[in-house]
Each structure stands twice: as structure tokens, then as C-alpha cells.
Amino acid sequence: MPMQTETLTPATEASEIPKLVAKLREAFESDAVQERVLEQTSSGGACVNATVMHVAVPDLPFGGVGASGMGNYHGKAGFDVFSHRKSVLVKPTRLDPKLAYPPYTKLKERIVRRFL
């Protein structure tokens, strides 16, 4: 059965966007889809299920490809700019602590500072 595709364009009805987002979430829960996207796209780094966490891990290089890739930085990667390795961070969604998400309260801040 061929895969049905849908496109998000400026003309997409606002009422259709939640359905498209749900389909994207469902698709990206599949390990096979995640692997396929990582293998078939070019990027300086990628994150699965933890978008902002990539920049928080000092050992993962951060930067893009092409014009966006000028200046990979973070830790040793700052010295390895010519190798331009692709870093990938995959974070399971099980036991996902609410601590990592807004709203960021004073209590959450105190807890995080203890780990830093």
C-alpha cells in the first residue's frame, strides 16, 4: 500500500494543522522512520525527542552544514571543525521528567542547579 503524503503549505486550513501534527508525531514514534530521516538528511547535528537538549550537552558538536556549518563549536568539536561529524542525540520518551519543560518555577531551578 503506497504511503499517503500530505503537505503543509501557507494555504493549509488552520483546522487541518492539528491532524498533520498528530500524523507527524505518530510517524516519528517509529524507530525506522527516525533512522530513515537521520540517514537521508544532511545536518550538523540532530535530536530525537529532545530538541533543546542538544545544545546543553557540551560533548556534542553543534552547527549546520554548508553556510550554516561555518563554526562548529562545543568542547573538542571546536578543534575538529574540518571533520564535521554528525552528532545525534536520541532521548527516550519514557520517564520523561516534567522538570525539563515549562513552566520553569523557582523549585525547578533549584533542583537543576544542584545537578550543574
Protein backbone atom coordinates (compact mmCIF):
# COMPACT_ATOMS: atom_id res chain seq x y z
CA MET A 1 0.00 0.00 0.00
CA PRO A 2 1.62 3.32 -1.03
CA MET A 3 2.29 5.82 1.72
CA GLN A 4 -0.19 8.71 1.72
CA THR A 5 1.52 12.09 1.86
CA GLU A 6 0.19 15.46 2.91
CA THR A 7 1.81 18.83 2.54
CA LEU A 8 1.76 21.77 4.92
CA THR A 9 1.62 24.97 2.86
CA PRO A 10 0.64 28.58 3.55
CA ALA A 11 -2.78 27.67 2.10
CA THR A 12 -3.34 24.80 4.58
CA GLU A 13 -6.51 25.34 6.55
CA ALA A 14 -5.79 26.08 10.22
CA SER A 15 -8.24 23.35 11.20
CA GLU A 16 -6.07 20.78 9.35
CA ILE A 17 -2.84 21.59 11.21
CA PRO A 18 -3.63 19.56 14.38
CA LYS A 19 -4.27 16.46 12.21
CA LEU A 20 -0.96 16.97 10.38
CA VAL A 21 0.91 17.41 13.67
CA ALA A 22 -0.67 14.22 15.05
CA LYS A 23 0.41 12.31 11.93
CA LEU A 24 3.96 13.64 12.26
CA ARG A 25 4.11 12.62 15.93
CA GLU A 26 2.82 9.16 15.07
CA ALA A 27 5.34 8.76 12.25
CA PHE A 28 8.29 9.88 14.37
CA GLU A 29 7.48 7.40 17.12
CA SER A 30 8.69 4.73 14.72
CA ASP A 31 12.39 3.88 15.11
CA ALA A 32 12.50 3.04 11.40
CA VAL A 33 11.22 6.50 10.45
CA GLN A 34 13.71 8.17 12.81
CA GLU A 35 16.58 6.18 11.26
CA ARG A 36 15.42 6.98 7.75
CA VAL A 37 15.22 10.72 8.45
CA LEU A 38 18.68 10.73 10.09
CA GLU A 39 20.22 8.74 7.23
CA GLN A 40 18.61 10.67 4.39
CA THR A 41 19.08 14.23 5.62
CA SER A 42 22.18 16.34 5.90
CA SER A 43 22.70 18.20 9.14
CA GLY A 44 25.41 19.19 11.56
CA GLY A 45 23.52 17.50 14.37
CA ALA A 46 20.13 16.10 15.20
CA CYS A 47 17.96 15.48 18.23
CA VAL A 48 15.21 12.94 18.63
CA ASN A 49 12.66 13.76 21.36
CA ALA A 50 14.83 16.42 23.00
CA THR A 51 15.16 19.39 20.70
CA VAL A 52 16.77 21.89 23.08
CA MET A 53 18.88 19.32 24.93
CA HIS A 54 21.37 19.11 22.04
CA VAL A 55 22.96 22.43 22.90
CA ALA A 56 23.02 21.50 26.61
CA VAL A 57 25.36 18.52 26.06
CA PRO A 58 28.87 20.03 25.83
CA ASP A 59 30.40 17.00 24.11
CA LEU A 60 28.04 17.13 21.11
CA PRO A 61 29.22 19.38 18.30
CA PHE A 62 26.69 21.98 17.31
CA GLY A 63 26.45 23.58 13.88
CA GLY A 64 24.88 23.16 10.49
CA VAL A 65 26.04 22.18 7.02
CA GLY A 66 27.05 24.43 4.14
CA ALA A 67 26.90 28.11 5.04
CA SER A 68 25.27 27.20 8.36
CA GLY A 69 28.14 24.85 9.24
CA MET A 70 30.81 27.52 9.45
CA GLY A 71 31.89 27.37 13.07
CA ASN A 72 31.06 24.05 14.68
CA TYR A 73 31.60 24.57 18.38
CA HIS A 74 31.32 22.91 21.80
CA GLY A 75 34.17 21.13 23.51
CA LYS A 76 36.60 19.20 21.34
CA ALA A 77 34.39 19.84 18.29
CA GLY A 78 35.65 23.42 18.27
CA PHE A 79 39.04 21.98 17.27
CA ASP A 80 37.66 19.38 14.89
CA VAL A 81 35.82 21.75 12.56
CA PHE A 82 37.24 20.12 9.47
CA SER A 83 35.91 16.62 10.23
CA HIS A 84 32.31 17.87 10.58
CA ARG A 85 30.92 14.78 12.25
CA LYS A 86 27.17 14.43 12.55
CA SER A 87 26.10 14.19 16.16
CA VAL A 88 22.79 12.56 17.06
CA LEU A 89 21.12 12.61 20.46
CA VAL A 90 18.24 10.17 20.93
CA LYS A 91 16.26 10.56 24.11
CA PRO A 92 13.61 8.01 25.06
CA THR A 93 10.22 9.46 25.92
CA ARG A 94 9.64 7.06 28.79
CA LEU A 95 10.09 8.51 32.26
CA ASP A 96 10.33 12.00 30.81
CA PRO A 97 10.63 14.33 33.83
CA LYS A 98 8.33 17.35 33.90
CA LEU A 99 11.38 19.18 35.25
CA ALA A 100 12.68 19.65 31.70
CA TYR A 101 9.64 21.56 30.46
CA PRO A 102 7.95 24.91 31.16
CA PRO A 103 6.74 26.44 33.29
CA TYR A 104 10.14 26.86 34.91
CA THR A 105 9.49 27.55 38.57
CA LYS A 106 11.91 28.54 41.31
CA LEU A 107 11.72 24.96 42.66
CA LYS A 108 12.69 23.51 39.27
CA GLU A 109 15.55 25.99 39.03
CA ARG A 110 16.89 24.96 42.46
CA ILE A 111 16.70 21.26 41.53
CA VAL A 112 18.52 21.80 38.21
CA ARG A 113 21.24 23.93 39.83
CA ARG A 114 22.03 21.04 42.20
CA PHE A 115 22.92 18.88 39.17
CA LEU A 116 25.06 21.53 37.45
